[in-house]
């Protein structure tokens, strides 16, 4: 689809979204909305931003939304950033539901490294 020349195209800036996310400390709905807005950012920038923001997040629902976004931003050139975020989510101190979503994201990546991580999780009680 071609945008008519007289219609402005709104661009989304990952840095602006990151600043808004940090500022919305006590507003999980706003944080989830911001994570969803990252879909409008080039995948590499969105995944880099998600990797920076994930350790700051304490709420399980927001973390799960971040992981869902990782799957939506799927592309071979971003695989390292996707794996990095999933690794953070698989840490033993993470909520079991977050870890569960990370396993599903990994299984959908179709990457040998992701498969190796999944095999390594076979003995995990969660």
C-alpha atoms as a PDB file:
ATOM      1  CA  UNK A   1       0.000   0.000   0.000  1.00  0.00           C
ATOM      2  CA  UNK A   2       1.350   3.414  -0.962  1.00  0.00           C
ATOM      3  CA  UNK A   3       0.858   6.374   1.347  1.00  0.00           C
ATOM      4  CA  UNK A   4      -0.495   9.433  -0.471  1.00  0.00           C
ATOM      5  CA  UNK A   5       2.056  12.280  -0.581  1.00  0.00           C
ATOM      6  CA  UNK A   6      -0.101  14.651   1.494  1.00  0.00           C
ATOM      7  CA  UNK A   7      -0.509  12.196   4.398  1.00  0.00           C
ATOM      8  CA  UNK A   8       2.124  12.301   7.112  1.00  0.00           C
ATOM      9  CA  UNK A   9       3.507   8.949   8.218  1.00  0.00           C
ATOM     10  CA  UNK A  10       3.890   8.702  11.969  1.00  0.00           C
ATOM     11  CA  UNK A  11       7.201   7.200  12.964  1.00  0.00           C
ATOM     12  CA  UNK A  12       7.723   5.564  16.311  1.00  0.00           C
ATOM     13  CA  UNK A  13      11.012   6.161  18.094  1.00  0.00           C
ATOM     14  CA  UNK A  14      12.335   3.372  20.333  1.00  0.00           C
ATOM     15  CA  UNK A  15      14.092   5.902  22.576  1.00  0.00           C
ATOM     16  CA  UNK A  16      10.859   7.802  23.189  1.00  0.00           C
ATOM     17  CA  UNK A  17       9.042   4.580  23.986  1.00  0.00           C
ATOM     18  CA  UNK A  18      11.795   3.543  26.374  1.00  0.00           C
ATOM     19  CA  UNK A  19      11.594   6.870  28.227  1.00  0.00           C
ATOM     20  CA  UNK A  20       7.798   6.596  28.453  1.00  0.00           C
ATOM     21  CA  UNK A  21       8.097   3.029  29.745  1.00  0.00           C
ATOM     22  CA  UNK A  22      10.511   4.036  32.507  1.00  0.00           C
ATOM     23  CA  UNK A  23       8.315   7.006  33.444  1.00  0.00           C
ATOM     24  CA  UNK A  24       5.222   4.766  33.720  1.00  0.00           C
ATOM     25  CA  UNK A  25       6.622   2.927  36.741  1.00  0.00           C
ATOM     26  CA  UNK A  26       3.281   2.534  38.526  1.00  0.00           C
ATOM     27  CA  UNK A  27       1.114   2.051  35.440  1.00  0.00           C
ATOM     28  CA  UNK A  28       1.292  -1.521  34.106  1.00  0.00           C
ATOM     29  CA  UNK A  29      -1.430  -0.914  31.508  1.00  0.00           C
ATOM     30  CA  UNK A  30       0.598   1.944  30.048  1.00  0.00           C
ATOM     31  CA  UNK A  31       3.723  -0.219  30.070  1.00  0.00           C
ATOM     32  CA  UNK A  32       1.911  -2.988  28.200  1.00  0.00           C
ATOM     33  CA  UNK A  33       0.631  -0.449  25.662  1.00  0.00           C
ATOM     34  CA  UNK A  34       4.178   0.832  25.167  1.00  0.00           C
ATOM     35  CA  UNK A  35       5.476  -2.699  24.603  1.00  0.00           C
ATOM     36  CA  UNK A  36       2.769  -3.151  21.980  1.00  0.00           C
ATOM     37  CA  UNK A  37       3.790   0.132  20.343  1.00  0.00           C
ATOM     38  CA  UNK A  38       7.291  -1.258  19.909  1.00  0.00           C
ATOM     39  CA  UNK A  39       5.835  -3.326  17.061  1.00  0.00           C
ATOM     40  CA  UNK A  40       5.968  -0.118  15.017  1.00  0.00           C
ATOM     41  CA  UNK A  41       9.716   0.222  15.522  1.00  0.00           C
ATOM     42  CA  UNK A  42      12.266  -1.600  13.358  1.00  0.00           C
ATOM     43  CA  UNK A  43      12.707  -5.062  14.928  1.00  0.00           C
ATOM     44  CA  UNK A  44      16.385  -4.659  15.844  1.00  0.00           C
ATOM     45  CA  UNK A  45      15.700  -1.418  17.751  1.00  0.00           C
ATOM     46  CA  UNK A  46      12.583  -2.866  19.391  1.00  0.00           C
ATOM     47  CA  UNK A  47      14.435  -5.962  20.611  1.00  0.00           C
ATOM     48  CA  UNK A  48      17.381  -3.930  21.875  1.00  0.00           C
ATOM     49  CA  UNK A  49      14.932  -1.758  23.811  1.00  0.00           C
ATOM     50  CA  UNK A  50      13.074  -4.770  25.218  1.00  0.00           C
ATOM     51  CA  UNK A  51      16.374  -6.285  26.370  1.00  0.00           C
ATOM     52  CA  UNK A  52      17.197  -3.083  28.253  1.00  0.00           C
ATOM     53  CA  UNK A  53      13.729  -2.755  29.780  1.00  0.00           C
ATOM     54  CA  UNK A  54      13.127  -6.364  30.793  1.00  0.00           C
ATOM     55  CA  UNK A  55      15.414  -6.302  33.870  1.00  0.00           C
ATOM     56  CA  UNK A  56      13.608  -3.158  35.103  1.00  0.00           C
ATOM     57  CA  UNK A  57      10.184  -4.799  35.005  1.00  0.00           C
ATOM     58  CA  UNK A  58       8.775  -6.458  38.121  1.00  0.00           C
ATOM     59  CA  UNK A  59       5.249  -7.330  36.979  1.00  0.00           C
ATOM     60  CA  UNK A  60       4.620 -10.768  35.538  1.00  0.00           C
ATOM     61  CA  UNK A  61       1.942  -9.608  33.076  1.00  0.00           C
ATOM     62  CA  UNK A  62       4.211  -6.954  31.573  1.00  0.00           C
ATOM     63  CA  UNK A  63       7.091  -9.434  31.272  1.00  0.00           C
ATOM     64  CA  UNK A  64       4.796 -11.869  29.488  1.00  0.00           C
ATOM     65  CA  UNK A  65       3.769  -9.125  27.049  1.00  0.00           C
ATOM     66  CA  UNK A  66       7.436  -8.370  26.400  1.00  0.00           C
ATOM     67  CA  UNK A  67       8.061 -12.010  25.543  1.00  0.00           C
ATOM     68  CA  UNK A  68       5.036 -12.097  23.259  1.00  0.00           C
ATOM     69  CA  UNK A  69       6.495  -9.109  21.439  1.00  0.00           C
ATOM     70  CA  UNK A  70       9.727 -11.053  20.924  1.00  0.00           C
ATOM     71  CA  UNK A  71       7.811 -13.625  18.922  1.00  0.00           C
ATOM     72  CA  UNK A  72       6.077 -10.921  16.912  1.00  0.00           C
ATOM     73  CA  UNK A  73       9.435  -9.359  16.016  1.00  0.00           C
ATOM     74  CA  UNK A  74      10.766 -12.634  14.665  1.00  0.00           C
ATOM     75  CA  UNK A  75      13.405 -12.437  11.989  1.00  0.00           C
ATOM     76  CA  UNK A  76      16.691 -14.273  11.488  1.00  0.00           C
ATOM     77  CA  UNK A  77      18.778 -11.113  11.787  1.00  0.00           C
ATOM     78  CA  UNK A  78      17.383 -10.441  15.272  1.00  0.00           C
ATOM     79  CA  UNK A  79      17.868 -13.943  16.644  1.00  0.00           C
ATOM     80  CA  UNK A  80      20.659 -12.988  19.090  1.00  0.00           C
ATOM     81  CA  UNK A  81      18.472 -10.315  20.719  1.00  0.00           C
ATOM     82  CA  UNK A  82      15.521 -12.706  20.873  1.00  0.00           C
ATOM     83  CA  UNK A  83      17.617 -15.397  22.538  1.00  0.00           C
ATOM     84  CA  UNK A  84      19.103 -12.888  24.986  1.00  0.00           C
ATOM     85  CA  UNK A  85      15.669 -11.806  26.198  1.00  0.00           C
ATOM     86  CA  UNK A  86      14.452 -15.388  26.472  1.00  0.00           C
ATOM     87  CA  UNK A  87      17.528 -16.265  28.525  1.00  0.00           C
ATOM     88  CA  UNK A  88      16.691 -13.471  30.958  1.00  0.00           C
ATOM     89  CA  UNK A  89      13.135 -14.777  31.204  1.00  0.00           C
ATOM     90  CA  UNK A  90      14.310 -18.354  31.824  1.00  0.00           C
ATOM     91  CA  UNK A  91      16.352 -17.454  34.899  1.00  0.00           C
ATOM     92  CA  UNK A  92      15.324 -19.539  37.928  1.00  0.00           C
ATOM     93  CA  UNK A  93      14.219 -16.417  39.829  1.00  0.00           C
ATOM     94  CA  UNK A  94      11.606 -15.564  37.175  1.00  0.00           C
ATOM     95  CA  UNK A  95       7.921 -16.444  37.702  1.00  0.00           C
ATOM     96  CA  UNK A  96       6.986 -19.851  36.300  1.00  0.00           C
ATOM     97  CA  UNK A  97       4.381 -18.355  33.928  1.00  0.00           C
ATOM     98  CA  UNK A  98       7.022 -16.026  32.478  1.00  0.00           C
ATOM     99  CA  UNK A  99       9.395 -18.948  32.031  1.00  0.00           C
ATOM    100  CA  UNK A 100       6.602 -20.913  30.347  1.00  0.00           C
ATOM    101  CA  UNK A 101       6.028 -18.134  27.793  1.00  0.00           C
ATOM    102  CA  UNK A 102       9.800 -17.931  27.177  1.00  0.00           C
ATOM    103  CA  UNK A 103       9.859 -21.662  26.396  1.00  0.00           C
ATOM    104  CA  UNK A 104       7.074 -21.215  23.850  1.00  0.00           C
ATOM    105  CA  UNK A 105       8.843 -18.272  22.226  1.00  0.00           C
ATOM    106  CA  UNK A 106      12.039 -20.322  21.996  1.00  0.00           C
ATOM    107  CA  UNK A 107      10.210 -23.269  20.472  1.00  0.00           C
ATOM    108  CA  UNK A 108       8.803 -21.010  17.753  1.00  0.00           C
ATOM    109  CA  UNK A 109      12.149 -19.475  16.790  1.00  0.00           C
ATOM    110  CA  UNK A 110      13.385 -22.441  14.771  1.00  0.00           C
ATOM    111  CA  UNK A 111      16.971 -21.798  15.820  1.00  0.00           C
ATOM    112  CA  UNK A 112      19.429 -24.546  16.775  1.00  0.00           C
ATOM    113  CA  UNK A 113      20.594 -22.546  19.803  1.00  0.00           C
ATOM    114  CA  UNK A 114      17.005 -22.197  20.996  1.00  0.00           C
ATOM    115  CA  UNK A 115      16.493 -25.937  20.596  1.00  0.00           C
ATOM    116  CA  UNK A 116      19.634 -26.604  22.636  1.00  0.00           C
ATOM    117  CA  UNK A 117      18.313 -24.359  25.401  1.00  0.00           C
ATOM    118  CA  UNK A 118      15.009 -26.221  25.378  1.00  0.00           C
ATOM    119  CA  UNK A 119      16.730 -29.596  25.641  1.00  0.00           C
ATOM    120  CA  UNK A 120      18.690 -28.235  28.601  1.00  0.00           C
ATOM    121  CA  UNK A 121      15.420 -27.335  30.330  1.00  0.00           C
ATOM    122  CA  UNK A 122      14.051 -30.885  30.266  1.00  0.00           C
ATOM    123  CA  UNK A 123      15.037 -31.451  33.883  1.00  0.00           C
ATOM    124  CA  UNK A 124      13.632 -28.114  35.053  1.00  0.00           C
ATOM    125  CA  UNK A 125      10.749 -28.749  37.491  1.00  0.00           C
ATOM    126  CA  UNK A 126       8.695 -25.921  35.948  1.00  0.00           C
END
